[in-house]
C-alpha atoms as a PDB file:
ATOM      1  CA  MET A   1     -76.387 -28.366  -6.667  1.00  0.00           C
ATOM      2  CA  SER A   2     -74.225 -29.243  -3.601  1.00  0.00           C
ATOM      3  CA  HIS A   3     -75.836 -28.962  -0.240  1.00  0.00           C
ATOM      4  CA  LEU A   4     -72.550 -27.188   0.825  1.00  0.00           C
ATOM      5  CA  SER A   5     -72.648 -24.545  -1.904  1.00  0.00           C
ATOM      6  CA  LYS A   6     -72.883 -20.818  -1.232  1.00  0.00           C
ATOM      7  CA  PHE A   7     -76.464 -20.900  -2.506  1.00  0.00           C
ATOM      8  CA  ALA A   8     -77.436 -23.913  -0.203  1.00  0.00           C
ATOM      9  CA  ILE A   9     -75.801 -22.096   2.777  1.00  0.00           C
ATOM     10  CA  ARG A  10     -77.526 -18.807   2.048  1.00  0.00           C
ATOM     11  CA  PHE A  11     -80.910 -20.600   1.682  1.00  0.00           C
ATOM     12  CA  ARG A  12     -80.415 -22.187   5.124  1.00  0.00           C
ATOM     13  CA  GLN A  13     -79.469 -18.875   6.661  1.00  0.00           C
ATOM     14  CA  LEU A  14     -82.656 -17.360   5.380  1.00  0.00           C
ATOM     15  CA  ILE A  15     -84.986 -20.126   6.773  1.00  0.00           C
ATOM     16  CA  HIS A  16     -83.116 -20.248  10.056  1.00  0.00           C
ATOM     17  CA  ARG A  17     -85.658 -18.228  12.082  1.00  0.00           C
ATOM     18  CA  PRO A  18     -88.745 -19.908  10.735  1.00  0.00           C
ATOM     19  CA  LEU A  19     -86.998 -23.324  11.416  1.00  0.00           C
ATOM     20  CA  LEU A  20     -86.715 -22.403  15.050  1.00  0.00           C
ATOM     21  CA  ASN A  21     -90.497 -23.268  15.355  1.00  0.00           C
ATOM     22  CA  VAL A  22     -89.695 -26.734  14.107  1.00  0.00           C
ATOM     23  CA  PHE A  23     -86.891 -27.216  16.528  1.00  0.00           C
ATOM     24  CA  GLU A  24     -89.044 -26.009  19.458  1.00  0.00           C
ATOM     25  CA  LYS A  25     -91.762 -28.488  18.737  1.00  0.00           C
ATOM     26  CA  THR A  26     -89.383 -31.448  18.800  1.00  0.00           C
ATOM     27  CA  LEU A  27     -87.948 -30.693  22.257  1.00  0.00           C
ATOM     28  CA  LYS A  28     -89.266 -32.237  25.556  1.00  0.00           C
ATOM     29  CA  HIS A  29     -88.369 -29.169  27.637  1.00  0.00           C
ATOM     30  CA  ARG A  30     -88.286 -25.335  27.250  1.00  0.00           C
ATOM     31  CA  VAL A  31     -84.937 -23.975  26.037  1.00  0.00           C
ATOM     32  CA  LYS A  32     -83.208 -21.171  27.874  1.00  0.00           C
ATOM     33  CA  LEU A  33     -80.144 -19.373  26.594  1.00  0.00           C
ATOM     34  CA  ILE A  34     -78.331 -18.217  29.807  1.00  0.00           C
ATOM     35  CA  ARG A  35     -75.736 -16.123  27.995  1.00  0.00           C
ATOM     36  CA  ASP A  36     -74.131 -15.480  24.548  1.00  0.00           C
ATOM     37  CA  ASP A  37     -70.670 -14.000  24.801  1.00  0.00           C
ATOM     38  CA  SER A  38     -69.526 -15.092  21.313  1.00  0.00           C
ATOM     39  CA  ILE A  39     -67.291 -13.106  19.089  1.00  0.00           C
ATOM     40  CA  LYS A  40     -69.323 -10.936  16.621  1.00  0.00           C
ATOM     41  CA  ASN A  41     -66.925 -10.045  13.852  1.00  0.00           C
ATOM     42  CA  GLY A  42     -68.624 -11.451  10.746  1.00  0.00           C
ATOM     43  CA  ASN A  43     -66.300 -14.508  10.433  1.00  0.00           C
ATOM     44  CA  PRO A  44     -67.704 -17.950   9.817  1.00  0.00           C
ATOM     45  CA  THR A  45     -67.795 -19.854  13.168  1.00  0.00           C
ATOM     46  CA  ILE A  46     -67.192 -23.377  14.382  1.00  0.00           C
ATOM     47  CA  TYR A  47     -69.356 -23.833  17.562  1.00  0.00           C
ATOM     48  CA  VAL A  48     -67.920 -26.638  19.628  1.00  0.00           C
ATOM     49  CA  ALA A  49     -70.404 -27.983  22.198  1.00  0.00           C
ATOM     50  CA  THR A  50     -70.553 -30.401  25.131  1.00  0.00           C
ATOM     51  CA  HIS A  51     -72.638 -33.572  24.219  1.00  0.00           C
ATOM     52  CA  ILE A  52     -74.713 -35.377  26.808  1.00  0.00           C
ATOM     53  CA  MET A  53     -77.973 -36.433  25.111  1.00  0.00           C
ATOM     54  CA  TYR A  54     -79.729 -36.316  21.687  1.00  0.00           C
ATOM     55  CA  ASP A  55     -81.810 -33.230  22.339  1.00  0.00           C
ATOM     56  CA  ASP A  56     -78.654 -30.966  22.897  1.00  0.00           C
ATOM     57  CA  ILE A  57     -78.192 -30.811  19.087  1.00  0.00           C
ATOM     58  CA  THR A  58     -81.628 -29.301  18.516  1.00  0.00           C
ATOM     59  CA  ALA A  59     -81.583 -27.144  21.630  1.00  0.00           C
ATOM     60  CA  ILE A  60     -78.305 -25.571  20.664  1.00  0.00           C
ATOM     61  CA  CYS A  61     -79.337 -25.009  17.059  1.00  0.00           C
ATOM     62  CA  TYR A  62     -82.384 -23.332  18.521  1.00  0.00           C
ATOM     63  CA  CYS A  63     -80.130 -20.975  20.542  1.00  0.00           C
ATOM     64  CA  LEU A  64     -77.928 -19.943  17.742  1.00  0.00           C
ATOM     65  CA  LYS A  65     -78.752 -16.713  15.996  1.00  0.00           C
ATOM     66  CA  GLU A  66     -77.489 -18.001  12.706  1.00  0.00           C
ATOM     67  CA  ASN A  67     -77.617 -21.352  10.849  1.00  0.00           C
ATOM     68  CA  ALA A  68     -74.842 -23.907  11.593  1.00  0.00           C
ATOM     69  CA  TYR A  69     -74.377 -27.189   9.722  1.00  0.00           C
ATOM     70  CA  VAL A  70     -74.343 -30.030  12.281  1.00  0.00           C
ATOM     71  CA  LEU A  71     -71.535 -32.529  12.073  1.00  0.00           C
ATOM     72  CA  PHE A  72     -73.580 -35.735  12.736  1.00  0.00           C
ATOM     73  CA  GLY A  73     -72.166 -39.160  13.507  1.00  0.00           C
ATOM     74  CA  HIS A  74     -75.429 -41.155  13.559  1.00  0.00           C
ATOM     75  CA  ARG A  75     -76.806 -41.418  10.037  1.00  0.00           C
ATOM     76  CA  LYS A  76     -78.963 -44.432  10.832  1.00  0.00           C
ATOM     77  CA  ALA A  77     -80.061 -43.022  14.106  1.00  0.00           C
ATOM     78  CA  LEU A  78     -81.335 -39.842  12.407  1.00  0.00           C
ATOM     79  CA  TRP A  79     -83.464 -41.983  10.145  1.00  0.00           C
ATOM     80  CA  LYS A  80     -85.052 -43.575  13.219  1.00  0.00           C
ATOM     81  CA  THR A  81     -86.060 -40.226  14.681  1.00  0.00           C
ATOM     82  CA  SER A  82     -89.402 -38.520  14.210  1.00  0.00           C
ATOM     83  CA  LYS A  83     -90.320 -36.944  10.824  1.00  0.00           C
ATOM     84  CA  LEU A  84     -90.318 -33.522  12.387  1.00  0.00           C
ATOM     85  CA  ASP A  85     -86.815 -34.084  13.891  1.00  0.00           C
ATOM     86  CA  TYR A  86     -85.487 -35.476  10.604  1.00  0.00           C
ATOM     87  CA  MET A  87     -87.037 -32.602   8.641  1.00  0.00           C
ATOM     88  CA  GLY A  88     -85.524 -29.938  11.005  1.00  0.00           C
ATOM     89  CA  LEU A  89     -82.024 -31.323  10.826  1.00  0.00           C
ATOM     90  CA  PHE A  90     -82.283 -31.846   7.050  1.00  0.00           C
ATOM     91  CA  LEU A  91     -83.392 -28.237   6.438  1.00  0.00           C
ATOM     92  CA  ASN A  92     -80.773 -26.999   8.940  1.00  0.00           C
ATOM     93  CA  GLY A  93     -77.978 -28.739   7.054  1.00  0.00           C
ATOM     94  CA  ARG A  94     -75.832 -31.596   8.253  1.00  0.00           C
ATOM     95  CA  ILE A  95     -72.585 -33.300   7.464  1.00  0.00           C
ATOM     96  CA  PHE A  96     -72.495 -37.005   8.193  1.00  0.00           C
ATOM     97  CA  VAL A  97     -69.256 -38.741   9.311  1.00  0.00           C
ATOM     98  CA  ASP A  98     -68.511 -42.327   9.824  1.00  0.00           C
ATOM     99  CA  ARG A  99     -66.319 -42.113  12.938  1.00  0.00           C
ATOM    100  CA  ASN A 100     -64.911 -45.607  12.259  1.00  0.00           C
ATOM    101  CA  ASP A 101     -63.625 -44.747   8.839  1.00  0.00           C
ATOM    102  CA  LYS A 102     -60.481 -42.821   8.499  1.00  0.00           C
ATOM    103  CA  ALA A 103     -61.105 -41.748   4.931  1.00  0.00           C
ATOM    104  CA  ASP A 104     -64.647 -40.572   5.861  1.00  0.00           C
ATOM    105  CA  ARG A 105     -63.316 -38.581   8.744  1.00  0.00           C
ATOM    106  CA  ALA A 106     -60.847 -36.866   6.507  1.00  0.00           C
ATOM    107  CA  GLN A 107     -63.731 -36.096   3.977  1.00  0.00           C
ATOM    108  CA  SER A 108     -65.770 -34.563   6.749  1.00  0.00           C
ATOM    109  CA  LYS A 109     -62.972 -32.187   7.517  1.00  0.00           C
ATOM    110  CA  LEU A 110     -62.893 -31.162   3.797  1.00  0.00           C
ATOM    111  CA  ASP A 111     -66.715 -30.698   3.863  1.00  0.00           C
ATOM    112  CA  MET A 112     -66.530 -28.559   6.983  1.00  0.00           C
ATOM    113  CA  ALA A 113     -63.780 -26.482   5.385  1.00  0.00           C
ATOM    114  CA  LYS A 114     -66.018 -25.966   2.339  1.00  0.00           C
ATOM    115  CA  VAL A 115     -68.975 -24.694   4.429  1.00  0.00           C
ATOM    116  CA  LEU A 116     -66.674 -22.361   6.275  1.00  0.00           C
ATOM    117  CA  ARG A 117     -65.074 -21.142   3.026  1.00  0.00           C
ATOM    118  CA  ASN A 118     -68.489 -20.389   1.579  1.00  0.00           C
ATOM    119  CA  GLY A 119     -69.440 -18.328   4.593  1.00  0.00           C
ATOM    120  CA  GLY A 120     -71.413 -20.915   6.654  1.00  0.00           C
ATOM    121  CA  ASN A 121     -71.014 -22.053  10.296  1.00  0.00           C
ATOM    122  CA  ILE A 122     -70.467 -25.504  11.834  1.00  0.00           C
ATOM    123  CA  LEU A 123     -71.825 -27.063  15.047  1.00  0.00           C
ATOM    124  CA  ALA A 124     -69.563 -29.877  16.184  1.00  0.00           C
ATOM    125  CA  PHE A 125     -69.296 -32.062  19.260  1.00  0.00           C
ATOM    126  CA  PRO A 126     -65.550 -32.742  19.554  1.00  0.00           C
ATOM    127  CA  GLU A 127     -65.859 -35.192  22.504  1.00  0.00           C
ATOM    128  CA  GLY A 128     -66.900 -37.656  19.805  1.00  0.00           C
ATOM    129  CA  THR A 129     -69.739 -39.294  21.728  1.00  0.00           C
ATOM    130  CA  TRP A 130     -72.099 -38.492  24.577  1.00  0.00           C
ATOM    131  CA  ASN A 131     -70.311 -37.801  27.830  1.00  0.00           C
ATOM    132  CA  PHE A 132     -71.475 -40.344  30.373  1.00  0.00           C
ATOM    133  CA  SER A 133     -68.542 -39.921  32.650  1.00  0.00           C
ATOM    134  CA  PRO A 134     -69.648 -39.426  36.290  1.00  0.00           C
ATOM    135  CA  ASN A 135     -66.469 -37.311  36.912  1.00  0.00           C
ATOM    136  CA  LEU A 136     -65.211 -35.538  33.737  1.00  0.00           C
ATOM    137  CA  LEU A 137     -67.007 -32.266  32.885  1.00  0.00           C
ATOM    138  CA  VAL A 138     -65.800 -32.647  29.324  1.00  0.00           C
ATOM    139  CA  LEU A 139     -64.133 -35.644  27.713  1.00  0.00           C
ATOM    140  CA  PRO A 140     -60.963 -35.258  25.732  1.00  0.00           C
ATOM    141  CA  VAL A 141     -61.666 -33.318  22.613  1.00  0.00           C
ATOM    142  CA  ASN A 142     -60.608 -34.155  19.028  1.00  0.00           C
ATOM    143  CA  TRP A 143     -58.619 -31.553  17.049  1.00  0.00           C
ATOM    144  CA  GLY A 144     -60.291 -32.229  13.699  1.00  0.00           C
ATOM    145  CA  ILE A 145     -62.149 -28.909  13.900  1.00  0.00           C
ATOM    146  CA  LEU A 146     -58.840 -27.048  13.935  1.00  0.00           C
ATOM    147  CA  ASP A 147     -57.792 -28.898  10.821  1.00  0.00           C
ATOM    148  CA  SER A 148     -61.074 -27.763   9.102  1.00  0.00           C
ATOM    149  CA  ALA A 149     -60.442 -24.182  10.254  1.00  0.00           C
ATOM    150  CA  ARG A 150     -57.067 -24.195   8.659  1.00  0.00           C
ATOM    151  CA  LEU A 151     -58.312 -25.854   5.473  1.00  0.00           C
ATOM    152  CA  ALA A 152     -60.804 -23.140   5.029  1.00  0.00           C
ATOM    153  CA  ASP A 153     -57.956 -20.691   4.544  1.00  0.00           C
ATOM    154  CA  ARG A 154     -59.633 -17.715   6.027  1.00  0.00           C
ATOM    155  CA  SER A 155     -60.158 -16.250   9.490  1.00  0.00           C
ATOM    156  CA  ILE A 156     -62.557 -18.498  11.573  1.00  0.00           C
ATOM    157  CA  ASN A 157     -64.106 -18.113  15.041  1.00  0.00           C
ATOM    158  CA  ILE A 158     -64.071 -21.183  17.278  1.00  0.00           C
ATOM    159  CA  VAL A 159     -66.659 -20.739  20.065  1.00  0.00           C
ATOM    160  CA  PRO A 160     -67.280 -23.093  23.059  1.00  0.00           C
ATOM    161  CA  ILE A 161     -70.858 -24.016  24.176  1.00  0.00           C
ATOM    162  CA  ALA A 162     -72.073 -25.807  27.236  1.00  0.00           C
ATOM    163  CA  PHE A 163     -75.532 -27.635  27.446  1.00  0.00           C
ATOM    164  CA  ASP A 164     -77.230 -29.213  30.451  1.00  0.00           C
ATOM    165  CA  LEU A 165     -80.724 -30.022  31.702  1.00  0.00           C
ATOM    166  CA  VAL A 166     -81.318 -27.751  34.703  1.00  0.00           C
ATOM    167  CA  ALA A 167     -84.652 -27.880  36.702  1.00  0.00           C
ATOM    168  CA  ASN A 168     -86.482 -29.249  33.644  1.00  0.00           C
ATOM    169  CA  GLU A 169     -85.083 -26.658  31.279  1.00  0.00           C
ATOM    170  CA  TYR A 170     -82.586 -27.139  28.562  1.00  0.00           C
ATOM    171  CA  CYS A 171     -79.913 -24.482  29.470  1.00  0.00           C
ATOM    172  CA  VAL A 172     -77.207 -23.275  27.143  1.00  0.00           C
ATOM    173  CA  ILE A 173     -74.269 -20.913  27.575  1.00  0.00           C
ATOM    174  CA  ILE A 174     -72.292 -19.761  24.522  1.00  0.00           C
ATOM    175  CA  GLY A 175     -68.749 -18.640  25.432  1.00  0.00           C
ATOM    176  CA  LYS A 176     -66.593 -16.036  23.815  1.00  0.00           C
ATOM    177  CA  GLY A 177     -64.225 -18.161  21.869  1.00  0.00           C
ATOM    178  CA  TYR A 178     -61.232 -17.339  19.736  1.00  0.00           C
ATOM    179  CA  GLU A 179     -60.443 -15.909  16.304  1.00  0.00           C
ATOM    180  CA  VAL A 180     -58.185 -18.318  14.435  1.00  0.00           C
ATOM    181  CA  LEU A 181     -56.460 -16.444  11.593  1.00  0.00           C
ATOM    182  CA  ALA A 182     -55.684 -18.149   8.313  1.00  0.00           C
ATOM    183  CA  GLN A 183     -51.976 -17.841   9.104  1.00  0.00           C
ATOM    184  CA  SER A 184     -52.279 -18.883  12.766  1.00  0.00           C
ATOM    185  CA  ASN A 185     -49.762 -21.511  13.871  1.00  0.00           C
ATOM    186  CA  TYR A 186     -51.442 -22.854  17.051  1.00  0.00           C
ATOM    187  CA  SER A 187     -50.215 -26.105  18.668  1.00  0.00           C
ATOM    188  CA  LYS A 188     -53.174 -28.452  18.111  1.00  0.00           C
ATOM    189  CA  GLY A 189     -52.917 -30.053  21.481  1.00  0.00           C
ATOM    190  CA  ALA A 190     -52.483 -26.873  23.462  1.00  0.00           C
ATOM    191  CA  PHE A 191     -55.180 -25.084  21.641  1.00  0.00           C
ATOM    192  CA  MET A 192     -57.750 -27.855  22.093  1.00  0.00           C
ATOM    193  CA  GLU A 193     -56.979 -28.237  25.762  1.00  0.00           C
ATOM    194  CA  MET A 194     -57.487 -24.527  26.186  1.00  0.00           C
ATOM    195  CA  LEU A 195     -60.900 -24.895  24.394  1.00  0.00           C
ATOM    196  CA  ARG A 196     -61.695 -27.944  26.528  1.00  0.00           C
ATOM    197  CA  ASP A 197     -60.928 -25.885  29.714  1.00  0.00           C
ATOM    198  CA  ASP A 198     -63.382 -23.247  28.385  1.00  0.00           C
ATOM    199  CA  MET A 199     -66.139 -25.738  27.715  1.00  0.00           C
ATOM    200  CA  ALA A 200     -65.604 -27.220  31.182  1.00  0.00           C
ATOM    201  CA  THR A 201     -65.776 -23.842  32.865  1.00  0.00           C
ATOM    202  CA  LEU A 202     -69.096 -23.192  31.142  1.00  0.00           C
ATOM    203  CA  MET A 203     -70.409 -26.611  32.074  1.00  0.00           C
ATOM    204  CA  TRP A 204     -69.435 -26.072  35.667  1.00  0.00           C
ATOM    205  CA  GLU A 205     -71.451 -22.748  35.620  1.00  0.00           C
ATOM    206  CA  LEU A 206     -74.545 -24.819  34.563  1.00  0.00           C
ATOM    207  CA  ILE A 207     -73.914 -27.557  37.199  1.00  0.00           C
ATOM    208  CA  GLU A 208     -73.781 -24.871  39.906  1.00  0.00           C
ATOM    209  CA  MET A 209     -77.335 -23.914  38.837  1.00  0.00           C
ATOM    210  CA  THR A 210     -78.499 -27.393  39.687  1.00  0.00           C
ATOM    211  CA  PRO A 211     -79.700 -28.230  43.260  1.00  0.00           C
ATOM    212  CA  PRO A 212     -77.143 -30.428  45.062  1.00  0.00           C
ATOM    213  CA  ILE A 213     -77.759 -34.074  45.396  1.00  0.00           C
ATOM    214  CA  ASN A 214     -76.342 -36.345  48.177  1.00  0.00           C
ATOM    215  CA  ARG A 215     -74.569 -39.216  46.305  1.00  0.00           C
ATOM    216  CA  LEU A 216     -75.393 -41.590  49.214  1.00  0.00           C
ATOM    217  CA  SER A 217     -79.088 -41.094  48.554  1.00  0.00           C
ATOM    218  CA  LEU A 218     -78.736 -42.441  44.969  1.00  0.00           C
ATOM    219  CA  PRO A 219     -79.389 -46.157  44.152  1.00  0.00           C
ATOM    220  CA  GLU A 220     -76.148 -48.044  43.544  1.00  0.00           C
ATOM    221  CA  LYS A 221     -76.920 -48.415  39.828  1.00  0.00           C
ATOM    222  CA  TYR A 222     -78.290 -44.953  39.336  1.00  0.00           C
ATOM    223  CA  TRP A 223     -75.695 -43.896  36.741  1.00  0.00           C
ATOM    224  CA  ILE A 224     -75.969 -46.968  34.582  1.00  0.00           C
ATOM    225  CA  GLU A 225     -79.683 -46.813  34.666  1.00  0.00           C
ATOM    226  CA  TYR A 226     -79.543 -43.168  33.691  1.00  0.00           C
ATOM    227  CA  THR A 227     -77.256 -43.882  30.739  1.00  0.00           C
ATOM    228  CA  ASN A 228     -79.456 -46.745  29.523  1.00  0.00           C
ATOM    229  CA  ARG A 229     -82.514 -44.418  29.589  1.00  0.00           C
ATOM    230  CA  GLN A 230     -80.574 -41.865  27.529  1.00  0.00           C
ATOM    231  CA  CYS A 231     -79.369 -44.556  25.088  1.00  0.00           C
ATOM    232  CA  ALA A 232     -82.978 -45.788  24.636  1.00  0.00           C
ATOM    233  CA  THR A 233     -83.812 -42.396  22.973  1.00  0.00           C
ATOM    234  CA  ILE A 234     -81.790 -43.605  19.891  1.00  0.00           C
ATOM    235  CA  LYS A 235     -82.679 -47.189  19.177  1.00  0.00           C
ATOM    236  CA  MET A 236     -79.568 -47.723  17.050  1.00  0.00           C
ATOM    237  CA  ARG A 237     -77.215 -46.720  19.799  1.00  0.00           C
ATOM    238  CA  ASP A 238     -74.788 -49.254  21.270  1.00  0.00           C
ATOM    239  CA  GLN A 239     -73.199 -47.686  24.301  1.00  0.00           C
ATOM    240  CA  HIS A 240     -70.273 -50.141  24.522  1.00  0.00           C
ATOM    241  CA  LYS A 241     -69.301 -49.208  20.960  1.00  0.00           C
ATOM    242  CA  GLU A 242     -69.765 -45.544  21.714  1.00  0.00           C
ATOM    243  CA  ASP A 243     -67.265 -45.882  24.634  1.00  0.00           C
ATOM    244  CA  LEU A 244     -64.684 -47.217  22.178  1.00  0.00           C
ATOM    245  CA  LEU A 245     -65.264 -44.123  19.887  1.00  0.00           C
ATOM    246  CA  THR A 246     -64.419 -41.685  22.712  1.00  0.00           C
ATOM    247  CA  TYR A 247     -61.378 -39.573  21.541  1.00  0.00           C
ATOM    248  CA  ARG A 248     -58.290 -40.455  23.516  1.00  0.00           C
ATOM    249  CA  PRO A 249     -54.873 -38.675  22.952  1.00  0.00           C
ATOM    250  CA  LYS A 250     -52.372 -41.590  22.485  1.00  0.00           C
ATOM    251  CA  GLU A 251     -50.038 -40.391  25.259  1.00  0.00           C
ATOM    252  CA  VAL A 252     -52.865 -40.117  27.934  1.00  0.00           C
ATOM    253  CA  LEU A 253     -53.716 -43.020  30.318  1.00  0.00           C
ATOM    254  CA  GLY A 254     -56.574 -42.535  32.599  1.00  0.00           C
ATOM    255  CA  LEU A 255     -56.268 -43.104  36.328  1.00  0.00           C
ATOM    256  CA  GLY A 256     -58.782 -45.891  36.216  1.00  0.00           C
ATOM    257  CA  GLU A 257     -56.706 -47.675  33.545  1.00  0.00           C
ATOM    258  CA  LEU A 258     -53.528 -47.168  35.477  1.00  0.00           C
ATOM    259  CA  LEU A 259     -54.948 -48.693  38.719  1.00  0.00           C
ATOM    260  CA  ALA A 260     -56.507 -51.523  36.865  1.00  0.00           C
ATOM    261  CA  GLU A 261     -53.280 -52.407  35.278  1.00  0.00           C
ATOM    262  CA  MET A 262     -51.521 -52.174  38.684  1.00  0.00           C
ATOM    263  CA  HIS A 263     -54.010 -54.627  40.171  1.00  0.00           C
ATOM    264  CA  GLY A 264     -54.063 -57.009  37.227  1.00  0.00           C
ATOM    265  CA  ILE A 265     -57.614 -56.092  36.121  1.00  0.00           C
ATOM    266  CA  GLU A 266     -58.644 -55.773  32.458  1.00  0.00           C
ATOM    267  CA  TYR A 267     -60.072 -52.298  32.188  1.00  0.00           C
ATOM    268  CA  LYS A 268     -63.806 -52.163  31.363  1.00  0.00           C
ATOM    269  CA  SER A 269     -66.138 -49.326  30.654  1.00  0.00           C
ATOM    270  CA  MET A 270     -69.377 -49.109  32.505  1.00  0.00           C
ATOM    271  CA  ALA A 271     -71.478 -50.119  29.556  1.00  0.00           C
ATOM    272  CA  ALA A 272     -69.297 -53.157  28.812  1.00  0.00           C
ATOM    273  CA  ASP A 273     -69.046 -54.559  32.352  1.00  0.00           C
ATOM    274  CA  TYR A 274     -70.738 -52.686  35.218  1.00  0.00           C
ATOM    275  CA  GLU A 275     -69.344 -54.867  38.068  1.00  0.00           C
ATOM    276  CA  THR A 276     -65.661 -54.521  36.857  1.00  0.00           C
ATOM    277  CA  HIS A 277     -66.191 -50.842  36.283  1.00  0.00           C
ATOM    278  CA  ARG A 278     -67.482 -50.399  39.875  1.00  0.00           C
ATOM    279  CA  ARG A 279     -64.418 -52.304  41.217  1.00  0.00           C
ATOM    280  CA  ILE A 280     -62.191 -49.930  39.311  1.00  0.00           C
ATOM    281  CA  GLU A 281     -64.144 -46.955  40.719  1.00  0.00           C
ATOM    282  CA  ARG A 282     -63.575 -48.243  44.221  1.00  0.00           C
ATOM    283  CA  LEU A 283     -59.821 -48.385  43.523  1.00  0.00           C
ATOM    284  CA  ILE A 284     -59.972 -44.788  42.341  1.00  0.00           C
ATOM    285  CA  ASP A 285     -61.908 -43.715  45.472  1.00  0.00           C
ATOM    286  CA  GLY A 286     -59.366 -45.459  47.708  1.00  0.00           C
ATOM    287  CA  TRP A 287     -56.438 -44.024  45.890  1.00  0.00           C
ATOM    288  CA  THR A 288     -57.825 -40.371  46.045  1.00  0.00           C
ATOM    289  CA  SER A 289     -58.758 -40.830  49.677  1.00  0.00           C
ATOM    290  CA  ARG A 290     -55.234 -41.916  50.588  1.00  0.00           C
ATOM    291  CA  LEU A 291     -53.840 -38.972  48.627  1.00  0.00           C
ATOM    292  CA  GLY A 292     -56.165 -36.605  50.361  1.00  0.00           C
ATOM    293  CA  SER A 293     -55.148 -37.936  53.739  1.00  0.00           C
ATOM    294  CA  ALA A 294     -51.472 -37.611  52.893  1.00  0.00           C
ATOM    295  CA  GLU A 295     -52.004 -34.019  51.759  1.00  0.00           C
ATOM    296  CA  ARG A 296     -53.862 -33.131  54.897  1.00  0.00           C
ATOM    297  CA  LYS A 297     -51.201 -34.762  57.104  1.00  0.00           C
ATOM    298  CA  LYS A 298     -48.547 -32.770  55.158  1.00  0.00           C
ATOM    299  CA  ASP A 299     -50.407 -29.548  55.795  1.00  0.00           C
ATOM    300  CA  SER A 300     -50.693 -30.232  59.471  1.00  0.00           C
ATOM    301  CA  VAL A 301     -46.988 -30.779  59.762  1.00  0.00           C
ATOM    302  CA  CYS A 302     -46.186 -27.552  57.923  1.00  0.00           C
END
């Protein structure tokens, strides 16, 4: 029997509430659902969530009122987790995808479409990897989920979710989202940017709940040390390789990459080369400062 069949999905829907106890026992902090504004119309749903650490998968599953199969890109990493973690995600339902394999990515879209067609839900993290950007609320998002919604050939809800650690609590906000009809003809890029904006708005709401921190009070290597601690939670994780898997629209060039090219510097991510990354960050700071000064001067003249 397929683990994506109607029977398998129905079984997982029935055990979802008892499974919440398993999820709760695996988490380091208490989970708090701030708000759930999601569409309630009986359609299968693709939940699209921000991704900043390993625990956000389990915490979000804990907050959902119904089962949702998790699109999971770390097969080996899952095997390295605790038995309780593995059991919880196995019983919950998951679809593995090799993000380096084009054929496997295409198959994962078909698998998600099958779950949706059979009345199940999906939890996906369209940023493609953990967001360790010190500036971007949400990384660029992949539109593969929209392909899966269309392949399901039925009306689907697509709902944004934001997750963050606030005052030692895992906090989750579930947004309203959109109903994507079987015959909808959305522009992929425009729709996903709209969804990304929604995710960023929810993320900003969580950030505003966090007490402010003076950046000057932080150690110089605070961010790289933070990311290293997070990466250590999954022993198989290679952050430099993860940086390369971040989804990037072909036509988009980041400010850091542009300034690096202008100054003859080979662009490097923080995980690959911290010193080069800091040099590029200083170029960005200088550029934005000059831009801000020019804008203020313009305003004073006006």
